Protein backbone atom coordinates (compact mmCIF):
# COMPACT_ATOMS: atom_id res chain seq x y z
CA MET A 1 -29.33 10.59 16.37
CA ASP A 2 -28.20 12.32 13.16
CA SER A 3 -30.33 15.35 13.84
CA LEU A 4 -31.03 17.53 16.85
CA THR A 5 -34.36 18.77 15.54
CA SER A 6 -36.20 16.40 17.87
CA GLU A 7 -34.97 18.57 20.77
CA PRO A 8 -35.87 22.14 19.73
CA ASN A 9 -35.28 23.67 23.18
CA ILE A 10 -32.14 21.79 24.07
CA LEU A 11 -29.97 24.91 23.97
CA SER A 12 -32.06 26.41 26.74
CA ARG A 13 -30.94 23.77 29.21
CA SER A 14 -28.47 24.87 31.84
CA PRO A 15 -24.85 24.09 31.12
CA SER A 16 -23.38 21.35 33.25
CA PRO A 17 -20.83 22.74 35.73
CA SER A 18 -18.93 19.47 35.55
CA HIS A 19 -17.93 20.05 31.95
CA SER A 20 -15.60 22.74 30.68
CA ALA A 21 -15.49 23.97 27.10
CA SER A 22 -11.74 24.32 27.39
CA GLU A 23 -11.43 20.53 27.50
CA LEU A 24 -12.71 20.22 23.95
CA PRO A 25 -11.19 21.32 20.63
CA PRO A 26 -12.15 24.78 19.41
CA VAL A 27 -15.26 24.97 17.26
CA ILE A 28 -15.56 27.54 14.50
CA SER A 29 -18.93 28.76 13.30
CA SER A 30 -19.94 29.02 9.66
CA ILE A 31 -18.61 32.56 9.44
CA GLY A 32 -15.21 31.59 10.82
CA ARG A 33 -15.61 32.86 14.41
CA THR A 34 -16.50 31.11 17.64
CA GLY A 35 -20.25 31.68 18.02
CA GLU A 36 -22.41 31.85 21.16
CA ALA A 37 -24.46 28.87 20.04
CA CYS A 38 -21.29 26.84 19.53
CA ARG A 39 -20.10 27.77 23.01
CA GLN A 40 -23.38 26.58 24.48
CA VAL A 41 -23.05 23.32 22.57
CA LEU A 42 -19.58 22.77 23.98
CA GLU A 43 -20.78 23.40 27.52
CA ASN A 44 -23.93 21.29 27.40
CA ASP A 45 -23.54 17.62 28.30
CA ASP A 46 -26.98 16.74 26.97
CA ILE A 47 -26.07 17.83 23.46
CA LEU A 48 -22.69 16.14 23.65
CA GLN A 49 -24.29 12.88 24.67
CA GLN A 50 -26.77 13.08 21.82
CA ILE A 51 -24.10 13.78 19.24
CA PHE A 52 -21.56 11.24 20.40
CA GLU A 53 -23.80 8.68 22.01
CA GLU A 54 -21.58 5.94 23.39
CA PHE A 55 -18.70 7.02 21.13
CA ASP A 56 -15.42 5.58 22.40
CA MET A 57 -12.12 7.37 21.78
CA THR A 58 -10.00 5.64 24.40
CA GLU A 59 -7.70 3.84 21.96
CA GLU A 60 -4.24 5.23 21.35
CA LEU A 61 -3.99 7.25 18.16
CA ASN A 62 -0.81 7.65 16.14
CA GLY A 63 0.46 10.41 13.89
CA ASP A 64 -2.02 12.93 12.55
CA ASP A 65 -4.95 10.59 13.17
CA SER A 66 -5.61 12.18 16.55
CA SER A 67 -5.78 15.74 15.24
CA ASN A 68 -7.89 14.65 12.28
CA ARG A 69 -10.40 12.95 14.55
CA HIS A 70 -10.63 15.96 16.85
CA SER A 71 -11.23 18.17 13.81
CA LEU A 72 -14.12 15.91 12.87
CA LEU A 73 -15.47 16.13 16.40
CA SER A 74 -15.33 19.91 16.14
CA ALA A 75 -17.12 19.81 12.80
CA ALA A 76 -19.86 17.60 14.23
CA LEU A 77 -20.31 19.95 17.16
CA SER A 78 -20.45 23.01 14.92
CA SER A 79 -23.41 21.96 12.81
CA THR A 80 -25.96 19.17 12.71
CA THR A 81 -25.49 19.21 8.92
CA LEU A 82 -21.92 17.99 9.42
CA LEU A 83 -22.80 15.45 12.07
CA GLY A 84 -23.65 12.54 9.77
CA PRO A 85 -20.64 12.93 7.44
CA SER A 86 -18.30 13.40 10.41
CA LEU A 87 -19.47 10.20 12.07
CA ASP A 88 -19.22 8.39 8.73
CA VAL A 89 -15.53 9.27 8.59
CA LEU A 90 -14.87 8.55 12.26
CA TRP A 91 -16.39 5.08 12.07
CA LYS A 92 -15.43 4.23 8.48
CA THR A 93 -12.24 2.35 9.45
CA MET A 94 -12.07 0.54 12.78
CA SER A 95 -9.40 -1.59 14.43
CA SER A 96 -11.39 -3.33 17.16
CA LEU A 97 -14.86 -4.64 17.96
CA ILE A 98 -14.70 -3.22 21.49
CA PRO A 99 -16.26 0.19 20.66
CA PHE A 100 -19.24 -1.62 19.14
CA LEU A 101 -19.65 -3.95 22.12
CA LYS A 102 -19.71 -0.92 24.42
CA LEU A 103 -22.82 0.25 22.60
CA PHE A 104 -24.80 -2.49 24.34
CA SER A 105 -26.07 -1.40 27.74
CA SER A 106 -25.77 -4.99 28.96
CA PHE A 107 -22.07 -5.27 28.07
CA GLN A 108 -20.27 -5.23 31.39
CA ASP A 109 -17.58 -6.72 33.58
CA VAL A 110 -18.98 -9.75 35.38
CA ASN A 111 -16.54 -11.17 37.93
CA GLY A 112 -13.58 -10.05 35.85
CA VAL A 113 -15.02 -11.25 32.54
CA ASN A 114 -16.33 -8.80 29.92
CA MET A 115 -19.53 -10.06 28.36
CA ILE A 116 -23.08 -9.20 27.35
CA TYR A 117 -24.91 -10.01 30.57
CA GLY A 118 -28.66 -10.08 30.24
CA SER A 119 -30.87 -9.24 27.30
CA ILE A 120 -30.07 -7.01 24.34
CA THR A 121 -32.84 -4.45 24.02
CA PRO A 122 -34.23 -3.14 20.71
CA GLU A 123 -32.77 0.24 21.63
CA ASP A 124 -29.33 -1.38 21.94
CA TRP A 125 -29.62 -2.87 18.46
CA THR A 126 -30.79 0.45 17.04
CA ARG A 127 -27.77 2.19 18.54
CA PHE A 128 -25.46 -0.58 17.30
CA ASP A 129 -26.90 -0.44 13.78
CA ASN A 130 -26.55 3.33 13.66
CA TYR A 131 -22.77 2.99 13.98
CA SER A 132 -22.07 -0.39 12.38
CA ARG A 133 -23.65 0.68 9.10
CA ARG A 134 -20.97 3.38 8.82
CA THR A 135 -18.04 0.93 9.00
CA LYS A 136 -16.50 -0.09 5.69
CA ASN A 137 -13.05 -1.27 6.79
CA PHE A 138 -11.85 -3.38 9.69
CA ILE A 139 -8.06 -3.17 9.83
CA PHE A 140 -6.88 -4.83 13.00
CA SER A 141 -3.58 -3.83 14.59
CA ASN A 142 -0.64 -5.97 15.65
CA LEU A 143 -0.23 -3.79 18.72
CA THR A 144 -2.37 -4.52 21.73
CA SER A 145 -3.84 -1.30 23.09
CA ILE A 146 -3.56 -0.70 26.82
CA ASN A 147 -7.34 -0.21 26.72
CA GLU A 148 -8.01 -3.49 24.90
CA ILE A 149 -10.04 -5.90 27.03
CA HIS A 150 -10.64 -9.61 26.91
CA VAL A 151 -14.15 -10.52 25.78
CA ASP A 152 -15.83 -13.77 26.74
CA PRO A 153 -16.49 -15.99 23.66
CA SER A 154 -20.17 -16.20 24.59
CA THR A 155 -20.54 -12.57 23.49
CA PHE A 156 -19.54 -13.40 19.93
CA THR A 157 -21.85 -16.41 19.99
CA ARG A 158 -24.76 -14.12 20.78
CA LEU A 159 -23.77 -11.75 18.00
CA ALA A 160 -23.55 -14.68 15.60
CA GLY A 161 -27.18 -15.47 16.37
CA ARG A 162 -28.24 -12.18 14.87
CA ARG A 163 -25.78 -12.45 11.99
CA SER A 164 -27.61 -15.57 10.82
CA THR A 165 -30.58 -13.38 9.85
CA GLU A 166 -28.87 -10.13 8.85
CA PRO A 167 -25.25 -8.90 8.67
CA LEU A 168 -23.88 -7.06 11.66
CA PHE A 169 -21.88 -4.73 9.39
CA PRO A 170 -23.94 -4.31 6.19
CA SER A 171 -21.53 -1.83 4.58
CA LEU A 172 -18.29 -3.67 5.38
CA ARG A 173 -15.97 -4.04 2.38
CA ARG A 174 -12.51 -4.89 3.73
CA VAL A 175 -11.15 -6.99 6.61
CA THR A 176 -7.40 -7.05 7.36
CA TYR A 177 -5.56 -9.16 9.93
CA PRO A 178 -1.82 -8.38 10.12
CA ARG A 179 0.46 -10.98 11.72
CA GLU A 180 -0.78 -11.96 15.20
CA ALA A 181 -4.07 -10.05 15.00
CA LEU A 182 -6.05 -13.07 13.79
CA ARG A 183 -5.01 -15.04 16.88
CA ARG A 184 -6.41 -12.36 19.22
CA ALA A 185 -9.51 -11.37 17.26
CA ASP A 186 -12.72 -13.17 16.42
CA PRO A 187 -13.23 -12.77 12.66
CA PHE A 188 -16.53 -14.54 12.23
CA PRO A 189 -18.97 -11.71 13.20
CA LEU A 190 -17.49 -9.67 10.35
CA LEU A 191 -18.24 -12.08 7.51
CA SER A 192 -21.07 -11.00 5.23
CA SER A 193 -22.00 -10.85 1.57
CA SER A 194 -20.83 -7.22 1.40
CA VAL A 195 -17.16 -8.08 2.13
CA GLU A 196 -15.04 -7.69 -1.01
CA ARG A 197 -11.48 -7.96 0.34
CA ILE A 198 -9.78 -10.06 3.03
CA ASP A 199 -6.09 -9.84 4.01
CA LEU A 200 -4.43 -12.45 6.24
CA ALA A 201 -0.76 -12.09 7.20
CA GLU A 202 1.65 -14.69 8.58
CA VAL A 203 -0.91 -17.47 8.72
CA SER A 204 0.55 -20.61 10.30
CA GLN A 205 -0.38 -24.25 9.83
CA ASP A 206 -1.62 -24.61 13.41
CA SER A 207 -4.03 -21.67 13.14
CA ASN A 208 -7.46 -23.19 13.65
CA LYS A 209 -9.05 -19.77 13.19
CA ALA A 210 -7.39 -19.35 9.80
CA LEU A 211 -8.54 -22.77 8.64
CA ALA A 212 -12.08 -22.14 9.85
CA LEU A 213 -12.14 -18.70 8.28
CA LEU A 214 -10.90 -19.93 4.89
CA SER A 215 -13.45 -22.76 5.01
CA MET A 216 -16.28 -20.27 5.50
CA LEU A 217 -15.36 -17.78 2.79
CA SER A 218 -17.21 -19.36 -0.13
CA GLY A 219 -20.46 -19.58 1.82
CA GLU A 220 -20.31 -16.39 3.90
CA THR A 221 -18.63 -13.95 1.49
CA PRO A 222 -19.97 -14.73 -2.00
CA GLY A 223 -19.06 -11.22 -3.12
CA LEU A 224 -15.37 -11.61 -2.25
CA LYS A 225 -13.21 -10.11 -5.01
CA SER A 226 -9.77 -9.85 -3.40
CA LEU A 227 -7.96 -12.39 -1.20
CA ASN A 228 -4.42 -11.83 0.10
CA ILE A 229 -2.73 -14.50 2.22
CA THR A 230 0.84 -14.39 3.51
CA GLY A 231 1.90 -17.65 5.13
CA THR A 232 4.83 -19.13 6.97
CA SER A 233 7.11 -22.02 6.11
CA SER A 234 4.81 -24.45 7.93
CA ILE A 235 1.83 -23.96 5.61
CA THR A 236 0.82 -27.05 3.63
CA THR A 237 -1.71 -27.62 0.87
CA PRO A 238 -4.71 -28.69 3.04
CA LEU A 239 -4.90 -25.24 4.62
CA LEU A 240 -5.31 -23.62 1.19
CA ARG A 241 -7.68 -26.21 -0.25
CA PRO A 242 -10.90 -24.47 0.96
CA ILE A 243 -10.21 -21.34 -1.08
CA THR A 244 -10.58 -23.32 -4.33
CA GLN A 245 -14.35 -22.95 -3.83
CA LEU A 246 -14.11 -19.22 -4.56
CA LYS A 247 -15.05 -18.48 -8.16
CA ASN A 248 -15.37 -14.69 -8.50
CA LEU A 249 -11.96 -13.44 -7.37
CA CYS A 250 -10.50 -10.51 -9.30
CA SER A 251 -7.31 -10.26 -7.22
CA LEU A 252 -5.37 -13.07 -5.52
CA SER A 253 -2.10 -12.93 -3.60
CA LEU A 254 -0.44 -16.01 -2.09
CA GLY A 255 2.77 -14.97 -0.35
CA ARG A 256 5.41 -17.39 0.96
CA LEU A 257 3.16 -20.34 0.22
CA GLY A 258 5.30 -22.12 -2.36
CA GLN A 259 5.22 -25.42 -0.50
CA ALA A 260 1.39 -25.29 -0.38
CA ILE A 261 0.77 -24.44 -4.04
CA ASP A 262 0.30 -27.69 -5.94
CA ASN A 263 -1.17 -28.43 -9.37
CA GLU A 264 -4.73 -28.41 -8.05
CA ILE A 265 -4.25 -24.91 -6.66
CA LEU A 266 -2.68 -23.75 -9.94
CA GLN A 267 -5.52 -25.24 -12.00
CA TRP A 268 -8.04 -23.46 -9.80
CA ILE A 269 -6.16 -20.17 -10.28
CA ALA A 270 -6.16 -20.69 -14.05
CA SER A 271 -9.93 -21.26 -13.97
CA LEU A 272 -10.70 -17.88 -12.37
CA ASN A 273 -12.32 -16.09 -15.30
CA HIS A 274 -12.40 -12.66 -13.63
CA LEU A 275 -8.85 -12.66 -12.23
CA THR A 276 -6.93 -9.52 -13.21
CA CYS A 277 -4.23 -9.30 -10.49
CA LEU A 278 -2.16 -12.30 -9.39
CA THR A 279 0.74 -12.56 -6.92
CA LEU A 280 2.45 -15.92 -6.39
CA ASP A 281 5.42 -16.41 -4.07
CA PHE A 282 7.00 -19.86 -4.34
CA ARG A 283 9.59 -19.31 -1.63
CA THR A 284 10.03 -22.36 0.58
CA GLN A 285 12.56 -23.42 3.19
CA ASP A 286 12.63 -26.96 1.80
CA PRO A 287 14.18 -26.97 -1.70
CA SER A 288 13.13 -30.60 -2.19
CA ILE A 289 9.47 -29.53 -2.35
CA THR A 290 8.68 -28.78 -5.98
CA THR A 291 5.62 -28.54 -8.17
CA ASN A 292 5.60 -31.32 -10.75
CA TYR A 293 4.61 -30.23 -14.23
CA PRO A 294 2.94 -26.98 -13.14
CA THR A 295 0.51 -25.31 -15.48
CA PHE A 296 -0.40 -21.65 -15.83
CA VAL A 297 -2.56 -22.09 -18.94
CA GLY A 298 -5.46 -19.64 -18.89
CA LEU A 299 -5.51 -16.30 -17.04
CA ASN A 300 -6.58 -14.46 -20.18
CA MET A 301 -7.93 -11.48 -18.19
CA LEU A 302 -4.71 -10.85 -16.25
CA THR A 303 -3.40 -7.26 -16.18
CA SER A 304 -0.95 -7.58 -13.27
CA LEU A 305 1.40 -10.47 -12.46
CA SER A 306 3.92 -10.70 -9.62
CA ILE A 307 5.83 -13.96 -9.32
CA ALA A 308 8.70 -15.00 -7.05
CA ALA A 309 10.16 -18.35 -8.08
CA GLY A 310 13.12 -20.10 -9.61
CA PRO A 311 14.01 -18.96 -13.14
CA SER A 312 12.58 -22.04 -14.89
CA LEU A 313 9.20 -21.69 -13.15
CA VAL A 314 9.08 -17.98 -13.98
CA GLN A 315 9.85 -18.73 -17.62
CA LEU A 316 7.10 -21.36 -17.73
CA ALA A 317 4.56 -18.95 -16.27
CA LEU A 318 5.42 -16.17 -18.72
CA GLU A 319 5.12 -18.51 -21.69
CA GLN A 320 1.83 -20.15 -20.66
CA ILE A 321 -0.21 -17.15 -19.49
CA GLU A 322 -2.77 -16.35 -22.19
CA SER A 323 -3.39 -12.71 -21.32
CA THR A 324 -2.49 -10.35 -24.16
CA HIS A 325 -2.92 -7.12 -22.19
CA LEU A 326 -0.63 -7.43 -19.17
CA GLU A 327 0.20 -3.98 -17.78
CA GLU A 328 2.34 -4.77 -14.72
CA LEU A 329 4.98 -7.50 -14.42
CA SER A 330 7.11 -8.17 -11.33
CA ILE A 331 9.71 -10.97 -11.29
CA THR A 332 11.85 -12.10 -8.36
CA THR A 333 14.25 -15.01 -8.85
CA TRP A 334 17.14 -16.63 -7.01
CA GLY A 335 19.57 -19.49 -7.34
CA THR A 336 22.69 -20.05 -9.41
CA SER A 337 23.57 -21.84 -12.60
CA THR A 338 25.88 -24.84 -12.67
CA GLY A 339 29.59 -24.50 -13.40
CA GLY A 340 32.08 -21.78 -12.49
CA PRO A 341 31.57 -18.01 -12.35
CA ARG A 342 31.59 -17.51 -16.12
CA PRO A 343 29.01 -20.23 -17.00
CA HIS A 344 26.91 -19.03 -14.06
CA ARG A 345 26.98 -15.45 -15.37
CA ARG A 346 26.08 -16.55 -18.90
CA GLY A 347 23.19 -18.62 -17.53
CA ILE A 348 21.76 -15.69 -15.58
CA VAL A 349 22.10 -13.40 -18.61
CA ARG A 350 20.19 -15.91 -20.74
CA GLN A 351 17.43 -16.12 -18.13
CA TRP A 352 17.02 -12.36 -17.80
CA THR A 353 17.17 -11.84 -21.55
CA SER A 354 14.52 -14.50 -21.96
CA PHE A 355 12.23 -12.70 -19.50
CA ALA A 356 12.67 -9.43 -21.39
CA THR A 357 12.12 -11.15 -24.74
CA VAL A 358 8.84 -12.76 -23.62
CA ALA A 359 7.66 -9.45 -22.18
CA ASN A 360 8.38 -7.73 -25.50
CA SER A 361 6.78 -10.40 -27.68
CA SER A 362 3.67 -10.88 -25.53
CA TRP A 363 2.87 -7.44 -24.11
CA ASN A 364 4.61 -4.92 -26.35
CA GLY A 365 1.66 -2.57 -26.61
CA THR A 366 0.33 -2.82 -23.06
CA LEU A 367 3.15 -3.25 -20.50
CA ARG A 368 3.55 -0.15 -18.32
CA LYS A 369 5.48 -1.43 -15.27
CA PHE A 370 8.35 -3.92 -15.16
CA PHE A 371 10.20 -4.99 -12.02
CA VAL A 372 12.96 -7.61 -11.90
CA LYS A 373 15.11 -8.74 -8.98
CA HIS A 374 17.67 -11.52 -8.60
CA GLU A 375 18.41 -12.32 -4.96
CA SER A 376 21.69 -14.19 -5.46
CA PRO A 377 25.03 -12.43 -6.09
CA ILE A 378 26.55 -12.66 -9.57
CA SER A 379 30.29 -12.35 -10.18
CA GLY A 380 31.84 -10.43 -13.05
CA THR A 381 30.40 -7.60 -15.13
CA ILE A 382 27.21 -7.65 -17.20
CA GLN A 383 26.31 -5.02 -19.77
CA PHE A 384 22.87 -3.71 -18.86
CA LEU A 385 21.46 -3.63 -22.39
CA ASP A 386 22.94 -7.02 -23.22
CA VAL A 387 20.21 -8.26 -20.91
CA PHE A 388 17.35 -5.79 -21.19
CA ALA A 389 17.63 -4.58 -24.80
CA PRO A 390 14.30 -6.24 -25.79
CA LEU A 391 12.54 -3.87 -23.40
CA LEU A 392 13.59 -0.89 -25.55
CA ASN A 393 10.87 -1.91 -28.02
CA ILE A 394 8.14 -1.48 -25.39
CA THR A 395 7.32 2.18 -25.89
CA THR A 396 4.43 2.06 -23.40
CA LEU A 397 6.80 1.45 -20.46
CA GLU A 398 6.27 3.94 -17.63
CA GLU A 399 8.12 2.30 -14.73
CA LEU A 400 11.25 0.14 -14.71
CA GLU A 401 12.91 -1.19 -11.56
CA VAL A 402 15.97 -3.44 -11.66
CA LYS A 403 17.35 -4.59 -8.30
CA GLN A 404 20.64 -6.49 -8.46
CA SER A 405 22.42 -4.83 -5.54
CA GLU A 406 25.29 -7.37 -5.53
CA THR A 407 25.80 -7.36 -9.30
CA ASN A 408 27.98 -5.17 -11.49
CA LEU A 409 25.70 -3.95 -14.27
CA ALA A 410 27.75 -1.78 -16.61
CA ILE A 411 25.80 1.19 -17.99
CA ASP A 412 27.50 3.94 -19.98
CA ALA A 413 26.11 7.25 -21.22
CA SER A 414 25.08 5.79 -24.58
CA GLN A 415 22.92 3.15 -22.88
CA TYR A 416 21.21 5.76 -20.71
CA ARG A 417 20.60 7.82 -23.85
CA ARG A 418 18.98 4.85 -25.61
CA MET A 419 16.71 4.30 -22.61
CA GLY A 420 15.57 7.91 -22.60
CA LEU A 421 14.83 7.88 -26.33
CA ALA A 422 12.94 4.56 -26.16
CA TRP A 423 10.82 5.22 -23.08
CA ARG A 424 9.47 8.74 -23.50
CA ASN A 425 6.50 7.95 -21.23
CA LEU A 426 8.80 6.94 -18.38
CA ARG A 427 7.69 8.11 -14.93
CA LEU A 428 10.00 6.01 -12.75
CA LEU A 429 13.44 4.52 -13.42
CA HIS A 430 15.21 2.77 -10.53
CA ILE A 431 18.39 0.77 -11.16
CA ASP A 432 19.99 -0.72 -8.05
CA CYS A 433 23.33 -2.46 -8.62
CA LEU A 434 27.00 -2.00 -7.70
CA PRO A 435 28.04 1.66 -8.14
CA HIS A 436 30.00 2.83 -11.17
CA ASN A 437 31.50 6.13 -12.28
CA SER A 438 30.00 8.19 -15.07
CA PRO A 439 32.09 11.08 -16.43
CA ASP A 440 29.15 12.12 -18.63
CA LEU A 441 26.65 12.36 -15.77
CA MET A 442 25.43 15.88 -16.54
CA ASP A 443 24.90 15.01 -20.18
CA THR A 444 23.01 11.87 -19.14
CA LEU A 445 20.74 13.84 -16.82
CA GLN A 446 20.15 16.47 -19.48
CA ARG A 447 19.04 13.76 -21.94
CA PHE A 448 16.55 12.41 -19.42
CA SER A 449 15.30 15.95 -18.82
CA GLU A 450 14.75 16.48 -22.55
CA ASN A 451 13.44 13.04 -23.57
CA CYS A 452 11.35 11.95 -20.57
CA PRO A 453 9.06 14.86 -19.62
CA ASN A 454 6.91 12.71 -17.29
CA LEU A 455 9.80 11.36 -15.20
CA THR A 456 9.21 11.95 -11.48
CA SER A 457 11.59 9.47 -9.80
CA LEU A 458 15.13 8.57 -10.91
CA GLU A 459 17.57 6.26 -9.13
CA LEU A 460 20.94 5.65 -10.79
CA PRO A 461 23.85 3.48 -9.55
CA ILE A 462 26.34 6.27 -10.22
CA THR A 463 29.11 7.63 -8.03
CA VAL A 464 29.19 11.39 -8.57
CA ILE A 465 32.81 12.58 -8.60
CA ASN A 466 33.23 15.47 -11.04
CA VAL A 467 30.79 18.01 -12.42
CA PRO A 468 31.44 21.01 -14.71
CA PRO A 469 32.05 24.16 -12.64
CA ASN A 470 29.79 26.29 -14.84
CA LEU A 471 26.24 25.89 -16.09
CA SER A 472 25.41 25.77 -19.76
CA PRO A 473 23.49 28.95 -20.66
CA GLU A 474 21.35 26.90 -23.06
CA ILE A 475 19.71 24.83 -20.30
CA ILE A 476 16.22 26.06 -19.49
CA SER A 477 14.10 23.37 -17.88
CA PHE A 478 10.65 23.12 -16.34
CA HIS A 479 10.95 19.40 -15.66
CA LYS A 480 8.76 17.92 -12.89
CA LEU A 481 11.22 15.36 -11.47
CA LYS A 482 10.64 15.11 -7.69
CA PHE A 483 13.11 12.46 -6.52
CA ILE A 484 16.66 11.63 -7.60
CA SER A 485 19.11 9.21 -6.03
CA PHE A 486 22.74 8.32 -6.66
CA ALA A 487 24.92 5.56 -5.26
CA LEU A 488 27.46 8.03 -3.84
CA ILE A 489 28.04 11.77 -3.98
CA GLN A 490 31.79 12.39 -3.65
CA VAL A 491 32.00 15.57 -5.68
CA GLY A 492 34.22 18.28 -4.27
CA ASN A 493 32.14 21.25 -5.40
CA THR A 494 28.72 20.32 -4.01
CA LEU A 495 27.44 23.85 -4.66
CA ALA A 496 28.08 23.48 -8.39
CA PHE A 497 26.43 20.06 -8.37
CA ALA A 498 23.37 21.47 -6.60
CA ARG A 499 23.15 24.27 -9.18
CA HIS A 500 23.27 21.77 -12.04
CA LEU A 501 20.51 19.63 -10.52
CA ASP A 502 18.37 22.67 -9.76
CA CYS A 503 18.76 23.93 -13.31
CA LEU A 504 17.83 20.58 -14.90
CA PHE A 505 15.09 19.69 -12.41
CA PRO A 506 13.72 22.84 -10.76
CA ASN A 507 10.96 20.94 -8.92
CA LEU A 508 13.17 18.51 -7.01
CA ILE A 509 11.99 17.59 -3.52
CA ARG A 510 14.50 14.94 -2.46
CA VAL A 511 18.11 14.12 -3.30
CA ARG A 512 19.47 10.91 -1.84
CA SER A 513 22.69 8.89 -1.69
CA ILE A 514 24.46 6.52 0.68
CA ARG A 515 26.57 9.38 2.04
CA ASP A 516 25.21 12.32 4.03
CA SER A 517 26.50 14.80 1.46
CA SER A 518 23.16 14.47 -0.31
CA VAL A 519 21.56 16.39 2.56
CA TYR A 520 23.71 19.44 1.81
CA VAL A 521 22.90 19.20 -1.90
CA GLU A 522 19.18 18.95 -1.15
CA ASP A 523 19.25 21.88 1.27
CA THR A 524 21.14 24.02 -1.26
CA ILE A 525 18.55 23.25 -3.94
CA LYS A 526 15.78 24.29 -1.54
CA VAL A 527 17.53 27.63 -1.07
CA PHE A 528 17.61 28.14 -4.85
CA GLN A 529 13.91 27.28 -5.04
CA ALA A 530 13.06 29.68 -2.24
CA VAL A 531 14.92 32.50 -3.97
CA ARG A 532 13.05 31.82 -7.22
CA SER A 533 9.74 31.79 -5.38
CA CYS A 534 10.47 35.14 -3.73
CA GLU A 535 11.52 36.62 -7.05
CA ARG A 536 8.33 35.42 -8.74
CA SER A 537 6.27 36.95 -5.95
CA ARG A 538 8.14 40.24 -6.26
CA MET A 539 7.66 40.39 -10.04
CA PHE A 540 4.00 39.52 -9.68
CA ALA A 541 3.54 42.33 -7.16
CA LEU A 542 5.22 44.82 -9.52
CA ARG A 543 2.72 44.01 -12.28
CA LYS A 544 -0.23 45.01 -10.11
């Protein structure tokens, strides 16, 4: 099927009058013009059937996916050399088993039920294998296509008979079921030793398919390296127990499963010798459910940790993890301390400072990304570096995100300056808290421009009110910052502000704030950039 050489005289066949070339995308020959041979290909049904034998494109396509697929179709029609690679791309990621079932000549509607009726011929299996071997990802959709049909369970039983001797999808690497997709789909034909990643979203306690699937993983997918499960509040420990048979995981994510993670689950996680990425979410709707004496001892290969839990559990995890080369750390906490507003604030400050201190003492030479979020509001004002000063010693830091949108974190120009001097490798700095004014904003931005040459994304909780009317003639910047965001832009002279930003960061793509005034600033910067581009083109032309 991947070559047309078996039909040397196929172009001599008469074009089918029932098919019009205008119905297909334009095909360009190797020299860039529509060729006579290409036209004959487009008009010949025999060739089209050979190239796209049983190919189904009835599903709804979103975004640029449709145009990309039609471009691939055009490429396949243009040259038999491109046919194989084009089909590899077209069938690499699928969202339904239906196109594969339609490859069987015996798959039909029998009294309103879609099923394989009759025998499956060797030719059917050859055609099926020719496409299934190209599929590497099955990413099911939450949306039910208008062309989706109900398949009788007996069909999957027949497929399972062949899967017992050889995998149906020998190249499959990833299977993803978002939300309700697992309920509608039949996951079992997809399981094979080649599968390396499985994603299950919003798994509920009453999902028999989920329980059966998790029970089969250790036996059917011995090569599984990544498992991501997002549950609901109803999940309990027995549903997760089967996954403790998996021994070779490199990445594990258990989201919203706090009530199902007990000591046995934690001990199994700690025993995973190859685990490098771990995400644990201990959120639960029942605060009375707790993990008694949890242990995180082990995990000496970990490079990425994301944990959402109460502060004490987070602290315990950070202190017990044995990895000395953590690169990414994400912490989400909630809850309040006992006492009034002032004791509560002091308690939160101690917790955050403790997190930063452990990060500095344990992963000073390796940590590149640090994210921290507290989901409960905190009264009063907290000095930013009173909490996060230990992080200034981590010179390897490339990304820092702090999200305390209901907290007043005070940050003055001197603190921003210290950050820029300490983190010269910084690529992303996002601080989300209650807005504050900064009379030295331009000086702050200039320091970041000078000290952090790799910075590409900057989000500051600053309300822009006043900017100098004139630019400093000393500022010459080639900085590569692409995105900048402020809390509010209330400056009167937005043109002057746009000129300052354009001068400091000439490669800006987006400027954002809560107010729409950022759109005007961004558009003005684009005008400046367009003028510079035209001037460069003019000067280049003069040199010729």
